[in-house]
C-alpha atoms as a PDB file:
ATOM      1  CA  MET A   1      -0.101  -9.083  34.592  1.00  0.00           C
ATOM      2  CA  GLY A   2       0.896  -8.883  30.950  1.00  0.00           C
ATOM      3  CA  TYR A   3       0.213  -6.082  28.564  1.00  0.00           C
ATOM      4  CA  LEU A   4      -0.758  -6.752  25.035  1.00  0.00           C
ATOM      5  CA  ASP A   5      -0.061  -3.793  22.651  1.00  0.00           C
ATOM      6  CA  ASN A   6      -2.021  -4.333  19.425  1.00  0.00           C
ATOM      7  CA  THR A   7      -0.209  -1.588  17.527  1.00  0.00           C
ATOM      8  CA  VAL A   8       2.050  -3.892  15.703  1.00  0.00           C
ATOM      9  CA  GLU A   9      -0.753  -6.347  14.938  1.00  0.00           C
ATOM     10  CA  TYR A  10      -2.950  -3.525  13.565  1.00  0.00           C
ATOM     11  CA  GLY A  11      -0.074  -2.253  11.605  1.00  0.00           C
ATOM     12  CA  PHE A  12       0.502  -5.401   9.840  1.00  0.00           C
ATOM     13  CA  GLY A  13      -2.814  -6.624   8.580  1.00  0.00           C
ATOM     14  CA  ARG A  14      -4.607  -8.110  11.562  1.00  0.00           C
ATOM     15  CA  LEU A  15      -7.653  -6.215  10.448  1.00  0.00           C
ATOM     16  CA  GLY A  16      -8.286  -8.103   7.213  1.00  0.00           C
ATOM     17  CA  SER A  17      -7.080  -8.497   3.670  1.00  0.00           C
ATOM     18  CA  ALA A  18      -8.222  -8.579   0.122  1.00  0.00           C
ATOM     19  CA  PHE A  19      -7.125 -10.101  -3.163  1.00  0.00           C
ATOM     20  CA  LEU A  20      -6.887  -7.794  -6.155  1.00  0.00           C
ATOM     21  CA  ASP A  21      -6.696  -8.902  -9.816  1.00  0.00           C
ATOM     22  CA  ASP A  22      -5.810  -7.342 -13.254  1.00  0.00           C
ATOM     23  CA  GLY A  23      -7.374  -3.912 -13.665  1.00  0.00           C
ATOM     24  CA  ASP A  24      -9.279  -3.588 -10.581  1.00  0.00           C
ATOM     25  CA  ALA A  25      -9.423  -0.586  -8.272  1.00  0.00           C
ATOM     26  CA  PHE A  26      -9.805  -1.058  -4.439  1.00  0.00           C
ATOM     27  CA  THR A  27     -10.581   1.266  -1.568  1.00  0.00           C
ATOM     28  CA  PRO A  28     -10.169  -0.230   1.889  1.00  0.00           C
ATOM     29  CA  PRO A  29     -13.008  -0.445   4.414  1.00  0.00           C
ATOM     30  CA  THR A  30     -13.970   2.819   6.319  1.00  0.00           C
ATOM     31  CA  ASP A  31     -11.390   3.964   8.849  1.00  0.00           C
ATOM     32  CA  LYS A  32      -8.736   1.549   7.478  1.00  0.00           C
ATOM     33  CA  VAL A  33      -5.877   1.791   5.033  1.00  0.00           C
ATOM     34  CA  VAL A  34      -3.823  -0.743   3.121  1.00  0.00           C
ATOM     35  CA  VAL A  35      -0.565  -1.260   5.105  1.00  0.00           C
ATOM     36  CA  ALA A  36       1.108  -3.967   3.107  1.00  0.00           C
ATOM     37  CA  ILE A  37       0.906  -5.210  -0.524  1.00  0.00           C
ATOM     38  CA  THR A  38       2.154  -8.647  -1.483  1.00  0.00           C
ATOM     39  CA  VAL A  39       2.720  -9.104  -5.142  1.00  0.00           C
ATOM     40  CA  VAL A  40       1.356 -12.437  -6.321  1.00  0.00           C
ATOM     41  CA  ASN A  41       1.869 -11.916 -10.076  1.00  0.00           C
ATOM     42  CA  ASP A  42       4.127  -9.220 -11.509  1.00  0.00           C
ATOM     43  CA  CYS A  43       2.087  -6.066 -11.432  1.00  0.00           C
ATOM     44  CA  LYS A  44       1.882  -2.412 -12.438  1.00  0.00           C
ATOM     45  CA  PHE A  45      -0.225   0.240 -10.759  1.00  0.00           C
ATOM     46  CA  ASN A  46      -2.547   2.787 -12.397  1.00  0.00           C
ATOM     47  CA  GLU A  47      -2.939   4.386  -8.977  1.00  0.00           C
ATOM     48  CA  LEU A  48      -1.324   3.901  -5.665  1.00  0.00           C
ATOM     49  CA  ASP A  49      -2.765   6.700  -3.506  1.00  0.00           C
ATOM     50  CA  GLN A  50      -0.510   7.109  -0.507  1.00  0.00           C
ATOM     51  CA  VAL A  51      -1.355   8.488   2.915  1.00  0.00           C
ATOM     52  CA  ASN A  52       0.778  11.512   3.722  1.00  0.00           C
ATOM     53  CA  GLN A  53       0.204  12.708   7.318  1.00  0.00           C
ATOM     54  CA  ASP A  54       2.137  13.977  10.325  1.00  0.00           C
ATOM     55  CA  ASN A  55       5.252  14.714   8.282  1.00  0.00           C
ATOM     56  CA  VAL A  56       5.535  10.957   7.377  1.00  0.00           C
ATOM     57  CA  ALA A  57       5.378  10.156   3.681  1.00  0.00           C
ATOM     58  CA  TYR A  58       4.856   6.894   1.798  1.00  0.00           C
ATOM     59  CA  PHE A  59       5.598   6.183  -1.812  1.00  0.00           C
ATOM     60  CA  GLY A  60       2.803   6.093  -4.429  1.00  0.00           C
ATOM     61  CA  THR A  61       1.684   7.468  -7.745  1.00  0.00           C
ATOM     62  CA  GLU A  62       1.135  11.007  -6.400  1.00  0.00           C
ATOM     63  CA  THR A  63       3.856  13.684  -6.491  1.00  0.00           C
ATOM     64  CA  GLN A  64       6.238  12.952  -3.682  1.00  0.00           C
ATOM     65  CA  ILE A  65       6.611  15.369  -0.795  1.00  0.00           C
ATOM     66  CA  THR A  66       9.898  16.492   0.787  1.00  0.00           C
ATOM     67  CA  GLU A  67       9.438  14.111   3.775  1.00  0.00           C
ATOM     68  CA  ASN A  68      10.562  11.443   1.367  1.00  0.00           C
ATOM     69  CA  GLY A  69      13.847  13.216   0.971  1.00  0.00           C
ATOM     70  CA  VAL A  70      15.057  15.169  -2.076  1.00  0.00           C
ATOM     71  CA  GLY A  71      14.842  13.314  -5.360  1.00  0.00           C
ATOM     72  CA  ALA A  72      12.158  10.704  -4.447  1.00  0.00           C
ATOM     73  CA  GLU A  73       9.934   9.906  -7.473  1.00  0.00           C
ATOM     74  CA  GLU A  74       6.389   8.829  -7.768  1.00  0.00           C
ATOM     75  CA  VAL A  75       5.521   5.334  -9.054  1.00  0.00           C
ATOM     76  CA  ALA A  76       4.898   5.571 -12.849  1.00  0.00           C
ATOM     77  CA  GLU A  77       2.315   3.429 -14.653  1.00  0.00           C
ATOM     78  CA  GLY A  78       5.109   1.602 -16.457  1.00  0.00           C
ATOM     79  CA  ASN A  79       6.969   0.533 -13.275  1.00  0.00           C
ATOM     80  CA  LEU A  80       6.850  -3.275 -12.905  1.00  0.00           C
ATOM     81  CA  PHE A  81       6.882  -4.861  -9.428  1.00  0.00           C
ATOM     82  CA  PRO A  82       7.964  -8.450  -9.394  1.00  0.00           C
ATOM     83  CA  ALA A  83       6.012 -11.292  -7.865  1.00  0.00           C
ATOM     84  CA  GLY A  84       7.095 -12.271  -4.429  1.00  0.00           C
ATOM     85  CA  ILE A  85       7.860  -8.870  -2.869  1.00  0.00           C
ATOM     86  CA  THR A  86       5.833  -7.300  -0.007  1.00  0.00           C
ATOM     87  CA  MET A  87       5.762  -3.507   0.200  1.00  0.00           C
ATOM     88  CA  TYR A  88       4.888  -1.683   3.326  1.00  0.00           C
ATOM     89  CA  GLY A  89       3.363   1.749   3.678  1.00  0.00           C
ATOM     90  CA  ARG A  90      -0.107   3.318   4.011  1.00  0.00           C
ATOM     91  CA  TRP A  91      -2.416   3.622   0.991  1.00  0.00           C
ATOM     92  CA  ASN A  92      -6.006   4.989   0.541  1.00  0.00           C
ATOM     93  CA  LYS A  93      -6.606   3.365  -2.849  1.00  0.00           C
ATOM     94  CA  VAL A  94      -4.889   0.721  -5.051  1.00  0.00           C
ATOM     95  CA  HIS A  95      -5.726   0.507  -8.702  1.00  0.00           C
ATOM     96  CA  LEU A  96      -3.962  -2.306 -10.675  1.00  0.00           C
ATOM     97  CA  GLN A  97      -3.008  -1.988 -14.359  1.00  0.00           C
ATOM     98  CA  GLN A  98      -1.927  -5.647 -14.506  1.00  0.00           C
ATOM     99  CA  GLY A  99      -1.069  -8.526 -12.160  1.00  0.00           C
ATOM    100  CA  SER A 100      -2.422  -9.554  -8.871  1.00  0.00           C
ATOM    101  CA  VAL A 101      -1.806  -8.670  -5.222  1.00  0.00           C
ATOM    102  CA  ILE A 102      -2.909  -9.412  -1.704  1.00  0.00           C
ATOM    103  CA  LEU A 103      -3.752  -6.204   0.328  1.00  0.00           C
ATOM    104  CA  TYR A 104      -3.495  -6.137   4.079  1.00  0.00           C
ATOM    105  CA  PHE A 105      -5.459  -3.626   6.241  1.00  0.00           C
ATOM    106  CA  GLY A 106      -4.471  -1.574   9.301  1.00  0.00           C
ATOM    107  CA  LEU A 107      -5.582   1.554  11.094  1.00  0.00           C
END
């Protein structure tokens, strides 16, 4: 009998997605986080609120913690992310300054 482990599927957006456009803020559904962000049009973030738990850190606009290593910097409002890239991590809130993205949910 085969075993299906949904951990990978849940970690890569099987639980839904959303489109976010210029200047909008987004909070994922209850008990979910954003696990991937695909940039559709070049974008900048006002806020990229990362999840930091269990000594695992993700990049974002908040002050970086030592689990990211020494010298990691937060994402500044002026940082431009080009269209076509996909970023992986865990975020509680995404607020765009400009551009558009597709957000994928996970646990």
